[in-house]
Amino acid sequence: MAAAGVGLVVLGPAPAAESVHRVVPATAEAQPQQPARAAAAAVAPVAVPPQLPAGLPTALRIPALGVTSAVMELGLQRDGSMEVPPGAYPVGWYDRSPTPGQLGPAVLAGHVDWEGEPGAFAGLHELVAGDTVEVDRADGTTAVFRVDRVEEHAKDAFPSDAVYGDLDHAGLRLITCGGSFDEETGDYADNVIVFARLVG
């Protein structure tokens, strides 16, 4: 599992300005030059996606699902894979990803169920674009994210680049299990992944 990096925004070169030289007939009166509106438009400020400074996550809420959970830190297991929470609750923040609200993909994982009981992310597959996810932070702020999409992938085809790759905005990834359950191995076949972005 690759650690998340910091994304960059690369802006292309501005279009070349048009020439303003004109030939004025000798019989015409000179007219005062008008302000170059095109030039003004070219330097109009560009909207910057919202971001927050680093701040450890302490709690998570998903209003559409009625979910509230504390947040613990998750590191790496000996095999290099991300740790998972030790029970149905709490959810865990992957400590090699940005903190929620920072530039890049903050990654939180939780169980769909645990020893026969629903986990914090049991209803994750029910989220739709436009739903919100709120993450309280240790600095007293709350990062509010809006869901862009929900995807389900086979575990052997996990979209690592989409989950952990660089972003030009503050993103959030919520991960849990899904698909069919193998009674023999005790594993689910798929992962459900929520992709969201910071809106406030």
N, C-alpha and C. Protein backbone atom coordinates (compact mmCIF):
# COMPACT_ATOMS: atom_id res chain seq x y z
N MET A 1 0.84 -1.17 0.00
CA MET A 1 0.00 0.00 0.00
C MET A 1 0.89 1.23 0.00
N ALA A 2 0.76 2.05 -1.00
CA ALA A 2 1.66 3.19 -1.12
C ALA A 2 1.21 4.33 -0.24
N ALA A 3 2.16 5.07 0.30
CA ALA A 3 1.81 6.24 1.10
C ALA A 3 1.33 7.34 0.18
N ALA A 4 0.39 8.14 0.66
CA ALA A 4 -0.15 9.21 -0.15
C ALA A 4 0.86 10.33 -0.27
N GLY A 5 0.89 10.98 -1.45
CA GLY A 5 1.79 12.08 -1.66
C GLY A 5 1.05 13.40 -1.67
N VAL A 6 1.78 14.47 -2.00
CA VAL A 6 1.18 15.79 -2.06
C VAL A 6 1.02 16.15 -3.52
N GLY A 7 -0.20 16.55 -3.92
CA GLY A 7 -0.47 16.86 -5.32
C GLY A 7 -0.09 18.29 -5.65
N LEU A 8 0.13 18.56 -6.95
CA LEU A 8 0.45 19.89 -7.43
C LEU A 8 -0.53 20.27 -8.50
N VAL A 9 -0.83 21.56 -8.58
CA VAL A 9 -1.66 22.07 -9.65
C VAL A 9 -0.73 22.71 -10.67
N VAL A 10 -0.79 22.25 -11.92
CA VAL A 10 0.05 22.80 -12.96
C VAL A 10 -0.82 23.60 -13.90
N LEU A 11 -0.55 24.88 -13.99
CA LEU A 11 -1.34 25.75 -14.85
C LEU A 11 -0.64 25.91 -16.18
N GLY A 12 -1.40 25.86 -17.27
CA GLY A 12 -0.84 26.04 -18.60
C GLY A 12 -0.53 27.49 -18.86
N PRO A 13 0.26 27.77 -19.93
CA PRO A 13 0.60 29.16 -20.24
C PRO A 13 -0.63 29.94 -20.65
N ALA A 14 -0.64 31.22 -20.30
CA ALA A 14 -1.76 32.08 -20.68
C ALA A 14 -1.71 32.33 -22.17
N PRO A 15 -2.88 32.47 -22.82
CA PRO A 15 -2.87 32.74 -24.26
C PRO A 15 -2.19 34.06 -24.55
N ALA A 16 -1.53 34.12 -25.71
CA ALA A 16 -0.82 35.34 -26.08
C ALA A 16 -1.82 36.47 -26.30
N ALA A 17 -1.44 37.69 -25.86
CA ALA A 17 -2.33 38.84 -26.02
C ALA A 17 -2.40 39.24 -27.48
N GLU A 18 -3.60 39.68 -27.93
CA GLU A 18 -3.76 40.13 -29.31
C GLU A 18 -3.07 41.48 -29.48
N SER A 19 -2.59 41.73 -30.70
CA SER A 19 -1.97 43.02 -31.00
C SER A 19 -3.02 44.12 -30.97
N VAL A 20 -2.66 45.29 -30.43
CA VAL A 20 -3.60 46.40 -30.36
C VAL A 20 -3.21 47.51 -31.34
N HIS A 21 -2.22 47.26 -32.21
CA HIS A 21 -1.82 48.26 -33.20
C HIS A 21 -2.84 48.30 -34.32
N ARG A 22 -3.29 49.53 -34.67
CA ARG A 22 -4.26 49.69 -35.75
C ARG A 22 -3.80 50.82 -36.66
N VAL A 23 -4.23 50.74 -37.91
CA VAL A 23 -4.01 51.85 -38.84
C VAL A 23 -5.25 52.72 -38.81
N VAL A 24 -5.11 54.00 -38.43
CA VAL A 24 -6.25 54.92 -38.34
C VAL A 24 -6.23 55.83 -39.55
N PRO A 25 -7.34 55.88 -40.30
CA PRO A 25 -7.37 56.78 -41.46
C PRO A 25 -7.05 58.21 -41.04
N ALA A 26 -6.39 58.95 -41.94
CA ALA A 26 -5.96 60.30 -41.60
C ALA A 26 -7.13 61.22 -41.32
N THR A 27 -8.29 60.94 -41.92
CA THR A 27 -9.45 61.81 -41.75
C THR A 27 -10.23 61.51 -40.49
N ALA A 28 -9.91 60.41 -39.82
CA ALA A 28 -10.69 60.02 -38.63
C ALA A 28 -10.11 60.69 -37.40
N GLU A 29 -11.01 61.06 -36.47
CA GLU A 29 -10.55 61.63 -35.21
C GLU A 29 -10.00 60.52 -34.32
N ALA A 30 -8.95 60.81 -33.64
CA ALA A 30 -8.39 59.82 -32.71
C ALA A 30 -9.38 59.58 -31.58
N GLN A 31 -9.62 58.33 -31.28
CA GLN A 31 -10.54 57.95 -30.21
C GLN A 31 -9.74 57.52 -28.99
N PRO A 32 -10.22 57.85 -27.80
CA PRO A 32 -9.51 57.39 -26.59
C PRO A 32 -9.52 55.87 -26.53
N GLN A 33 -8.42 55.30 -26.11
CA GLN A 33 -8.33 53.85 -26.02
C GLN A 33 -9.19 53.33 -24.87
N GLN A 34 -9.87 52.22 -25.11
CA GLN A 34 -10.70 51.58 -24.10
C GLN A 34 -9.85 50.61 -23.28
N PRO A 35 -10.19 50.40 -22.01
CA PRO A 35 -9.44 49.41 -21.20
C PRO A 35 -9.47 48.04 -21.86
N ALA A 36 -8.39 47.34 -21.77
CA ALA A 36 -8.30 46.00 -22.37
C ALA A 36 -9.02 45.00 -21.48
N ARG A 37 -10.29 44.75 -21.83
CA ARG A 37 -11.09 43.83 -21.00
C ARG A 37 -10.53 42.42 -21.02
N ALA A 38 -10.03 42.02 -22.19
CA ALA A 38 -9.49 40.66 -22.28
C ALA A 38 -8.31 40.48 -21.34
N ALA A 39 -7.46 41.52 -21.25
CA ALA A 39 -6.30 41.42 -20.37
C ALA A 39 -6.73 41.32 -18.92
N ALA A 40 -7.78 42.10 -18.56
CA ALA A 40 -8.28 42.04 -17.18
C ALA A 40 -8.82 40.66 -16.86
N ALA A 41 -9.53 40.07 -17.84
CA ALA A 41 -10.10 38.74 -17.62
C ALA A 41 -9.00 37.71 -17.43
N ALA A 42 -7.87 37.91 -18.13
CA ALA A 42 -6.79 36.92 -18.06
C ALA A 42 -6.16 36.85 -16.67
N VAL A 43 -6.27 37.94 -15.89
CA VAL A 43 -5.65 37.93 -14.56
C VAL A 43 -6.69 37.79 -13.45
N ALA A 44 -7.94 37.42 -13.82
CA ALA A 44 -8.97 37.22 -12.80
C ALA A 44 -8.52 36.13 -11.84
N PRO A 45 -8.80 36.27 -10.54
CA PRO A 45 -8.36 35.26 -9.57
C PRO A 45 -8.99 33.90 -9.83
N VAL A 46 -8.21 32.86 -9.61
CA VAL A 46 -8.68 31.49 -9.80
C VAL A 46 -9.15 30.94 -8.46
N ALA A 47 -10.33 30.33 -8.45
CA ALA A 47 -10.86 29.77 -7.21
C ALA A 47 -9.94 28.64 -6.72
N VAL A 48 -9.57 28.68 -5.47
CA VAL A 48 -8.71 27.66 -4.88
C VAL A 48 -9.57 26.74 -4.02
N PRO A 49 -9.49 25.41 -4.25
CA PRO A 49 -10.28 24.50 -3.42
C PRO A 49 -9.93 24.67 -1.95
N PRO A 50 -10.91 24.52 -1.05
CA PRO A 50 -10.63 24.71 0.38
C PRO A 50 -9.66 23.66 0.91
N GLN A 51 -8.85 24.06 1.86
CA GLN A 51 -7.91 23.16 2.54
C GLN A 51 -7.80 23.59 3.99
N LEU A 52 -7.36 22.67 4.82
CA LEU A 52 -7.13 22.94 6.23
C LEU A 52 -5.70 22.55 6.58
N PRO A 53 -5.13 23.15 7.61
CA PRO A 53 -3.82 22.69 8.08
C PRO A 53 -3.95 21.31 8.71
N ALA A 54 -2.83 20.69 9.02
CA ALA A 54 -2.86 19.37 9.64
C ALA A 54 -3.63 19.41 10.95
N GLY A 55 -4.44 18.38 11.18
CA GLY A 55 -5.21 18.27 12.41
C GLY A 55 -5.72 16.84 12.56
N LEU A 56 -5.30 16.15 13.60
CA LEU A 56 -5.67 14.74 13.75
C LEU A 56 -7.18 14.57 13.87
N PRO A 57 -7.74 13.56 13.19
CA PRO A 57 -9.18 13.31 13.29
C PRO A 57 -9.54 12.65 14.61
N THR A 58 -10.65 13.08 15.19
CA THR A 58 -11.08 12.52 16.48
C THR A 58 -12.44 11.84 16.41
N ALA A 59 -13.30 12.26 15.49
CA ALA A 59 -14.63 11.67 15.37
C ALA A 59 -15.15 11.85 13.95
N LEU A 60 -16.04 10.96 13.56
CA LEU A 60 -16.62 10.98 12.22
C LEU A 60 -18.13 10.84 12.32
N ARG A 61 -18.84 11.60 11.49
CA ARG A 61 -20.30 11.49 11.40
C ARG A 61 -20.71 11.38 9.94
N ILE A 62 -21.67 10.49 9.68
CA ILE A 62 -22.27 10.38 8.35
C ILE A 62 -23.77 10.56 8.54
N PRO A 63 -24.28 11.79 8.41
CA PRO A 63 -25.69 12.06 8.71
C PRO A 63 -26.68 11.18 7.95
N ALA A 64 -26.42 10.89 6.68
CA ALA A 64 -27.36 10.10 5.89
C ALA A 64 -27.53 8.69 6.42
N LEU A 65 -26.53 8.19 7.15
CA LEU A 65 -26.57 6.83 7.70
C LEU A 65 -26.81 6.82 9.20
N GLY A 66 -26.83 7.99 9.82
CA GLY A 66 -26.98 8.04 11.27
C GLY A 66 -25.78 7.49 12.00
N VAL A 67 -24.60 7.58 11.38
CA VAL A 67 -23.38 7.00 11.96
C VAL A 67 -22.57 8.07 12.68
N THR A 68 -22.15 7.75 13.89
CA THR A 68 -21.19 8.55 14.64
C THR A 68 -20.15 7.60 15.22
N SER A 69 -18.89 7.92 15.03
CA SER A 69 -17.83 7.04 15.52
C SER A 69 -16.62 7.85 15.93
N ALA A 70 -15.94 7.37 16.96
CA ALA A 70 -14.61 7.90 17.26
C ALA A 70 -13.66 7.47 16.15
N VAL A 71 -12.50 8.09 16.09
CA VAL A 71 -11.49 7.74 15.08
C VAL A 71 -10.17 7.42 15.78
N MET A 72 -9.60 6.27 15.45
CA MET A 72 -8.30 5.88 15.97
C MET A 72 -7.28 5.95 14.84
N GLU A 73 -6.00 5.85 15.18
CA GLU A 73 -4.95 5.86 14.17
C GLU A 73 -4.61 4.44 13.74
N LEU A 74 -4.36 4.27 12.44
CA LEU A 74 -3.96 2.99 11.88
C LEU A 74 -2.61 3.15 11.19
N GLY A 75 -1.74 2.18 11.39
CA GLY A 75 -0.45 2.19 10.72
C GLY A 75 -0.38 1.07 9.70
N LEU A 76 0.81 0.46 9.60
CA LEU A 76 1.01 -0.66 8.69
C LEU A 76 1.22 -1.95 9.46
N GLN A 77 0.73 -3.05 8.88
CA GLN A 77 0.98 -4.37 9.43
C GLN A 77 2.35 -4.86 8.93
N ARG A 78 2.81 -5.97 9.46
CA ARG A 78 4.13 -6.49 9.09
C ARG A 78 4.23 -6.80 7.60
N ASP A 79 3.11 -7.19 6.99
CA ASP A 79 3.15 -7.52 5.57
C ASP A 79 3.06 -6.28 4.67
N GLY A 80 3.03 -5.10 5.28
CA GLY A 80 2.98 -3.87 4.50
C GLY A 80 1.59 -3.37 4.18
N SER A 81 0.57 -4.12 4.58
CA SER A 81 -0.80 -3.68 4.35
C SER A 81 -1.26 -2.78 5.49
N MET A 82 -2.30 -2.01 5.22
CA MET A 82 -2.81 -1.10 6.25
C MET A 82 -3.47 -1.88 7.38
N GLU A 83 -3.25 -1.44 8.60
CA GLU A 83 -3.94 -2.03 9.74
C GLU A 83 -5.44 -1.81 9.60
N VAL A 84 -6.21 -2.60 10.32
CA VAL A 84 -7.66 -2.42 10.35
C VAL A 84 -8.09 -2.22 11.81
N PRO A 85 -9.22 -1.56 12.03
CA PRO A 85 -9.68 -1.38 13.41
C PRO A 85 -9.90 -2.73 14.09
N PRO A 86 -9.77 -2.79 15.42
CA PRO A 86 -9.87 -4.06 16.14
C PRO A 86 -11.29 -4.52 16.42
N GLY A 87 -12.30 -3.76 16.00
CA GLY A 87 -13.69 -4.15 16.25
C GLY A 87 -14.63 -3.37 15.37
N ALA A 88 -15.93 -3.53 15.61
CA ALA A 88 -16.96 -2.86 14.81
C ALA A 88 -16.80 -1.35 14.84
N TYR A 89 -16.41 -0.84 15.98
CA TYR A 89 -16.10 0.57 16.19
C TYR A 89 -14.78 0.64 16.94
N PRO A 90 -14.01 1.72 16.83
CA PRO A 90 -14.21 2.89 15.99
C PRO A 90 -13.72 2.66 14.58
N VAL A 91 -13.81 3.69 13.74
CA VAL A 91 -13.16 3.65 12.44
C VAL A 91 -11.72 4.11 12.64
N GLY A 92 -10.88 3.88 11.63
CA GLY A 92 -9.47 4.24 11.76
C GLY A 92 -9.00 5.13 10.63
N TRP A 93 -8.13 6.07 10.97
CA TRP A 93 -7.48 6.93 9.98
C TRP A 93 -6.09 6.38 9.70
N TYR A 94 -5.77 6.19 8.43
CA TYR A 94 -4.47 5.69 8.01
C TYR A 94 -3.44 6.80 8.19
N ASP A 95 -2.50 6.60 9.13
CA ASP A 95 -1.61 7.69 9.53
C ASP A 95 -0.50 8.03 8.53
N ARG A 96 -0.47 7.34 7.41
CA ARG A 96 0.45 7.71 6.34
C ARG A 96 -0.26 8.47 5.23
N SER A 97 -1.51 8.80 5.47
CA SER A 97 -2.26 9.65 4.55
C SER A 97 -2.41 11.03 5.18
N PRO A 98 -2.77 12.06 4.39
CA PRO A 98 -3.00 13.39 4.97
C PRO A 98 -4.10 13.34 6.03
N THR A 99 -4.06 14.28 6.96
CA THR A 99 -5.18 14.38 7.90
C THR A 99 -6.38 14.96 7.16
N PRO A 100 -7.60 14.61 7.55
CA PRO A 100 -8.78 15.09 6.84
C PRO A 100 -8.83 16.62 6.75
N GLY A 101 -8.91 17.10 5.52
CA GLY A 101 -8.92 18.54 5.27
C GLY A 101 -7.63 19.04 4.64
N GLN A 102 -6.54 18.29 4.80
CA GLN A 102 -5.29 18.65 4.14
C GLN A 102 -5.36 18.29 2.66
N LEU A 103 -4.45 18.89 1.88
CA LEU A 103 -4.34 18.55 0.47
C LEU A 103 -4.01 17.07 0.32
N GLY A 104 -4.76 16.38 -0.53
CA GLY A 104 -4.52 14.96 -0.78
C GLY A 104 -5.62 14.09 -0.22
N PRO A 105 -5.49 12.76 -0.39
CA PRO A 105 -6.54 11.84 0.03
C PRO A 105 -6.38 11.33 1.46
N ALA A 106 -7.19 11.82 2.38
CA ALA A 106 -7.23 11.27 3.74
C ALA A 106 -7.98 9.94 3.67
N VAL A 107 -7.43 8.90 4.27
CA VAL A 107 -8.00 7.56 4.16
C VAL A 107 -8.49 7.08 5.52
N LEU A 108 -9.77 6.71 5.58
CA LEU A 108 -10.37 6.14 6.79
C LEU A 108 -10.95 4.78 6.45
N ALA A 109 -10.74 3.81 7.33
CA ALA A 109 -11.24 2.46 7.11
C ALA A 109 -12.09 2.02 8.29
N GLY A 110 -13.07 1.18 8.01
CA GLY A 110 -13.93 0.65 9.06
C GLY A 110 -14.56 -0.65 8.62
N HIS A 111 -15.11 -1.39 9.56
CA HIS A 111 -15.69 -2.69 9.25
C HIS A 111 -17.15 -2.57 8.83
N VAL A 112 -17.55 -3.46 7.93
CA VAL A 112 -18.96 -3.56 7.55
C VAL A 112 -19.72 -4.34 8.63
N ASP A 113 -19.04 -5.30 9.24
CA ASP A 113 -19.58 -6.02 10.40
C ASP A 113 -18.42 -6.62 11.19
N TRP A 114 -18.76 -7.08 12.40
CA TRP A 114 -17.71 -7.65 13.27
C TRP A 114 -18.38 -8.62 14.23
N GLU A 115 -18.01 -9.89 14.11
CA GLU A 115 -18.54 -10.93 14.98
C GLU A 115 -20.07 -10.88 15.06
N GLY A 116 -20.69 -10.75 13.91
CA GLY A 116 -22.15 -10.81 13.82
C GLY A 116 -22.88 -9.51 14.06
N GLU A 117 -22.16 -8.44 14.38
CA GLU A 117 -22.80 -7.15 14.62
C GLU A 117 -22.41 -6.15 13.53
N PRO A 118 -23.32 -5.23 13.17
CA PRO A 118 -23.00 -4.24 12.14
C PRO A 118 -21.82 -3.37 12.57
N GLY A 119 -20.94 -3.11 11.63
CA GLY A 119 -19.81 -2.22 11.89
C GLY A 119 -20.16 -0.78 11.57
N ALA A 120 -19.23 0.11 11.87
CA ALA A 120 -19.46 1.54 11.64
C ALA A 120 -19.76 1.84 10.18
N PHE A 121 -19.19 1.06 9.27
CA PHE A 121 -19.38 1.31 7.84
C PHE A 121 -20.33 0.31 7.19
N ALA A 122 -21.25 -0.23 7.97
CA ALA A 122 -22.20 -1.22 7.44
C ALA A 122 -23.02 -0.68 6.28
N GLY A 123 -23.39 0.59 6.32
CA GLY A 123 -24.24 1.15 5.27
C GLY A 123 -23.50 1.98 4.25
N LEU A 124 -22.19 1.87 4.21
CA LEU A 124 -21.40 2.73 3.33
C LEU A 124 -21.85 2.65 1.87
N HIS A 125 -22.24 1.46 1.42
CA HIS A 125 -22.64 1.27 0.02
C HIS A 125 -23.92 2.03 -0.32
N GLU A 126 -24.65 2.50 0.70
CA GLU A 126 -25.91 3.21 0.46
C GLU A 126 -25.71 4.70 0.20
N LEU A 127 -24.52 5.21 0.44
CA LEU A 127 -24.27 6.63 0.22
C LEU A 127 -24.37 6.96 -1.27
N VAL A 128 -24.78 8.19 -1.56
CA VAL A 128 -24.90 8.65 -2.94
C VAL A 128 -24.20 10.00 -3.07
N ALA A 129 -23.92 10.39 -4.29
CA ALA A 129 -23.29 11.69 -4.55
C ALA A 129 -24.11 12.80 -3.91
N GLY A 130 -23.43 13.68 -3.21
CA GLY A 130 -24.10 14.79 -2.53
C GLY A 130 -24.26 14.60 -1.04
N ASP A 131 -24.20 13.35 -0.57
CA ASP A 131 -24.24 13.11 0.88
C ASP A 131 -22.99 13.72 1.52
N THR A 132 -23.07 14.00 2.81
CA THR A 132 -21.94 14.62 3.49
C THR A 132 -21.33 13.70 4.54
N VAL A 133 -20.06 13.93 4.79
CA VAL A 133 -19.30 13.24 5.83
C VAL A 133 -18.59 14.32 6.64
N GLU A 134 -18.73 14.28 7.96
CA GLU A 134 -18.13 15.29 8.82
C GLU A 134 -17.05 14.64 9.69
N VAL A 135 -15.90 15.26 9.73
CA VAL A 135 -14.79 14.74 10.53
C VAL A 135 -14.34 15.82 11.51
N ASP A 136 -14.53 15.55 12.81
CA ASP A 136 -14.03 16.46 13.85
C ASP A 136 -12.53 16.25 14.00
N ARG A 137 -11.83 17.36 14.27
CA ARG A 137 -10.38 17.32 14.36
C ARG A 137 -9.91 17.82 15.72
N ALA A 138 -8.70 17.42 16.10
CA ALA A 138 -8.17 17.74 17.42
C ALA A 138 -7.99 19.24 17.64
N ASP A 139 -7.92 20.02 16.55
CA ASP A 139 -7.75 21.47 16.69
C ASP A 139 -9.08 22.19 16.90
N GLY A 140 -10.17 21.43 17.03
CA GLY A 140 -11.47 22.02 17.29
C GLY A 140 -12.27 22.33 16.04
N THR A 141 -11.70 22.10 14.86
CA THR A 141 -12.42 22.35 13.62
C THR A 141 -13.12 21.08 13.14
N THR A 142 -14.06 21.24 12.23
CA THR A 142 -14.75 20.11 11.60
C THR A 142 -14.58 20.22 10.09
N ALA A 143 -14.04 19.18 9.48
CA ALA A 143 -13.90 19.12 8.03
C ALA A 143 -15.16 18.48 7.45
N VAL A 144 -15.82 19.19 6.55
CA VAL A 144 -17.05 18.68 5.94
C VAL A 144 -16.75 18.30 4.49
N PHE A 145 -17.07 17.05 4.16
CA PHE A 145 -16.82 16.53 2.82
C PHE A 145 -18.14 16.20 2.13
N ARG A 146 -18.15 16.35 0.80
CA ARG A 146 -19.30 15.95 0.00
C ARG A 146 -18.92 14.74 -0.84
N VAL A 147 -19.78 13.72 -0.84
CA VAL A 147 -19.52 12.50 -1.59
C VAL A 147 -19.59 12.78 -3.09
N ASP A 148 -18.56 12.36 -3.81
CA ASP A 148 -18.55 12.43 -5.28
C ASP A 148 -19.11 11.16 -5.90
N ARG A 149 -18.68 10.01 -5.36
CA ARG A 149 -19.11 8.72 -5.93
C ARG A 149 -18.79 7.61 -4.94
N VAL A 150 -19.43 6.46 -5.17
CA VAL A 150 -19.18 5.25 -4.38
C VAL A 150 -18.88 4.13 -5.36
N GLU A 151 -17.81 3.40 -5.14
CA GLU A 151 -17.41 2.32 -6.04
C GLU A 151 -17.21 1.03 -5.26
N GLU A 152 -17.35 -0.09 -5.97
CA GLU A 152 -17.06 -1.41 -5.38
C GLU A 152 -16.09 -2.13 -6.31
N HIS A 153 -15.00 -2.63 -5.74
CA HIS A 153 -13.96 -3.30 -6.51
C HIS A 153 -13.58 -4.61 -5.85
N ALA A 154 -13.27 -5.61 -6.68
CA ALA A 154 -12.72 -6.86 -6.15
C ALA A 154 -11.42 -6.55 -5.41
N LYS A 155 -11.18 -7.25 -4.32
CA LYS A 155 -9.98 -6.96 -3.52
C LYS A 155 -8.70 -7.20 -4.32
N ASP A 156 -8.75 -8.11 -5.29
CA ASP A 156 -7.55 -8.34 -6.09
C ASP A 156 -7.42 -7.35 -7.24
N ALA A 157 -8.34 -6.39 -7.31
CA ALA A 157 -8.27 -5.32 -8.32
C ALA A 157 -8.47 -3.97 -7.64
N PHE A 158 -7.91 -3.83 -6.44
CA PHE A 158 -8.08 -2.61 -5.66
C PHE A 158 -7.46 -1.43 -6.40
N PRO A 159 -8.19 -0.30 -6.53
CA PRO A 159 -7.69 0.85 -7.30
C PRO A 159 -6.75 1.73 -6.48
N SER A 160 -5.55 1.25 -6.24
CA SER A 160 -4.61 1.95 -5.35
C SER A 160 -4.34 3.38 -5.77
N ASP A 161 -4.15 3.61 -7.07
CA ASP A 161 -3.84 4.96 -7.53
C ASP A 161 -4.99 5.92 -7.24
N ALA A 162 -6.22 5.48 -7.47
CA ALA A 162 -7.38 6.34 -7.23
C ALA A 162 -7.58 6.62 -5.74
N VAL A 163 -7.21 5.66 -4.91
CA VAL A 163 -7.40 5.82 -3.46
C VAL A 163 -6.27 6.61 -2.82
N TYR A 164 -5.03 6.27 -3.15
CA TYR A 164 -3.88 6.86 -2.47
C TYR A 164 -3.12 7.89 -3.29
N GLY A 165 -3.47 8.04 -4.57
CA GLY A 165 -2.71 8.92 -5.46
C GLY A 165 -2.88 10.40 -5.16
N ASP A 166 -1.98 11.20 -5.74
CA ASP A 166 -1.98 12.64 -5.54
C ASP A 166 -3.29 13.28 -6.01
N LEU A 167 -3.68 14.36 -5.32
CA LEU A 167 -4.88 15.13 -5.67
C LEU A 167 -4.54 16.61 -5.72
N ASP A 168 -5.39 17.39 -6.42
CA ASP A 168 -5.23 18.84 -6.42
C ASP A 168 -6.21 19.49 -5.45
N HIS A 169 -6.80 18.67 -4.57
CA HIS A 169 -7.77 19.17 -3.58
C HIS A 169 -7.69 18.30 -2.33
N ALA A 170 -8.40 18.72 -1.29
CA ALA A 170 -8.48 17.92 -0.07
C ALA A 170 -9.57 16.87 -0.25
N GLY A 171 -9.17 15.62 -0.28
CA GLY A 171 -10.12 14.53 -0.52
C GLY A 171 -10.25 13.61 0.68
N LEU A 172 -11.24 12.74 0.61
CA LEU A 172 -11.48 11.75 1.66
C LEU A 172 -11.83 10.43 1.01
N ARG A 173 -11.29 9.34 1.54
CA ARG A 173 -11.61 7.99 1.09
C ARG A 173 -12.09 7.19 2.30
N LEU A 174 -13.27 6.63 2.19
CA LEU A 174 -13.80 5.73 3.22
C LEU A 174 -13.81 4.33 2.63
N ILE A 175 -13.23 3.37 3.35
CA ILE A 175 -13.06 2.02 2.81
C ILE A 175 -13.64 1.00 3.77
N THR A 176 -14.39 0.04 3.21
CA THR A 176 -14.87 -1.09 3.99
C THR A 176 -14.96 -2.31 3.08
N CYS A 177 -15.45 -3.41 3.61
CA CYS A 177 -15.61 -4.62 2.81
C CYS A 177 -16.99 -4.67 2.17
N GLY A 178 -17.11 -5.47 1.12
CA GLY A 178 -18.39 -5.64 0.45
C GLY A 178 -18.36 -6.87 -0.43
N GLY A 179 -19.43 -7.05 -1.19
CA GLY A 179 -19.52 -8.22 -2.06
C GLY A 179 -19.88 -9.47 -1.29
N SER A 180 -19.58 -10.61 -1.89
CA SER A 180 -19.94 -11.89 -1.28
C SER A 180 -18.99 -12.23 -0.14
N PHE A 181 -19.51 -13.01 0.82
CA PHE A 181 -18.74 -13.41 2.00
C PHE A 181 -18.38 -14.88 1.90
N ASP A 182 -17.12 -15.20 2.07
CA ASP A 182 -16.64 -16.58 2.02
C ASP A 182 -16.61 -17.13 3.44
N GLU A 183 -17.50 -18.06 3.73
CA GLU A 183 -17.60 -18.63 5.08
C GLU A 183 -16.32 -19.36 5.48
N GLU A 184 -15.63 -19.96 4.52
CA GLU A 184 -14.43 -20.73 4.85
C GLU A 184 -13.26 -19.82 5.24
N THR A 185 -13.07 -18.76 4.47
CA THR A 185 -11.93 -17.88 4.75
C THR A 185 -12.29 -16.75 5.71
N GLY A 186 -13.59 -16.47 5.84
CA GLY A 186 -14.02 -15.36 6.68
C GLY A 186 -13.77 -14.00 6.06
N ASP A 187 -13.64 -13.98 4.73
CA ASP A 187 -13.32 -12.73 4.03
C ASP A 187 -14.42 -12.35 3.04
N TYR A 188 -14.56 -11.05 2.83
CA TYR A 188 -15.42 -10.55 1.76
C TYR A 188 -14.60 -10.47 0.47
N ALA A 189 -15.30 -10.55 -0.66
CA ALA A 189 -14.61 -10.55 -1.95
C ALA A 189 -14.20 -9.16 -2.41
N ASP A 190 -14.94 -8.14 -1.98
CA ASP A 190 -14.76 -6.80 -2.53
C ASP A 190 -14.44 -5.76 -1.46
N ASN A 191 -14.12 -4.58 -1.94
CA ASN A 191 -14.04 -3.38 -1.10
C ASN A 191 -15.02 -2.35 -1.63
N VAL A 192 -15.73 -1.69 -0.72
CA VAL A 192 -16.57 -0.54 -1.05
C VAL A 192 -15.76 0.70 -0.70
N ILE A 193 -15.70 1.64 -1.63
CA ILE A 193 -14.88 2.84 -1.44
C ILE A 193 -15.72 4.07 -1.74
N VAL A 194 -15.74 4.99 -0.79
CA VAL A 194 -16.42 6.28 -0.97
C VAL A 194 -15.36 7.33 -1.29
N PHE A 195 -15.59 8.08 -2.36
CA PHE A 195 -14.71 9.17 -2.76
C PHE A 195 -15.43 10.49 -2.47
N ALA A 196 -14.79 11.36 -1.70
CA ALA A 196 -15.42 12.62 -1.32
C ALA A 196 -14.39 13.74 -1.35
N ARG A 197 -14.88 14.99 -1.35
CA ARG A 197 -13.98 16.14 -1.35
C ARG A 197 -14.42 17.17 -0.33
N LEU A 198 -13.45 17.93 0.19
CA LEU A 198 -13.72 18.94 1.21
C LEU A 198 -14.54 20.09 0.62
N VAL A 199 -15.61 20.45 1.34
CA VAL A 199 -16.44 21.59 0.91
C VAL A 199 -16.54 22.66 1.99
N GLY A 200 -16.07 22.35 3.20
CA GLY A 200 -16.15 23.35 4.26
C GLY A 200 -15.51 22.89 5.54
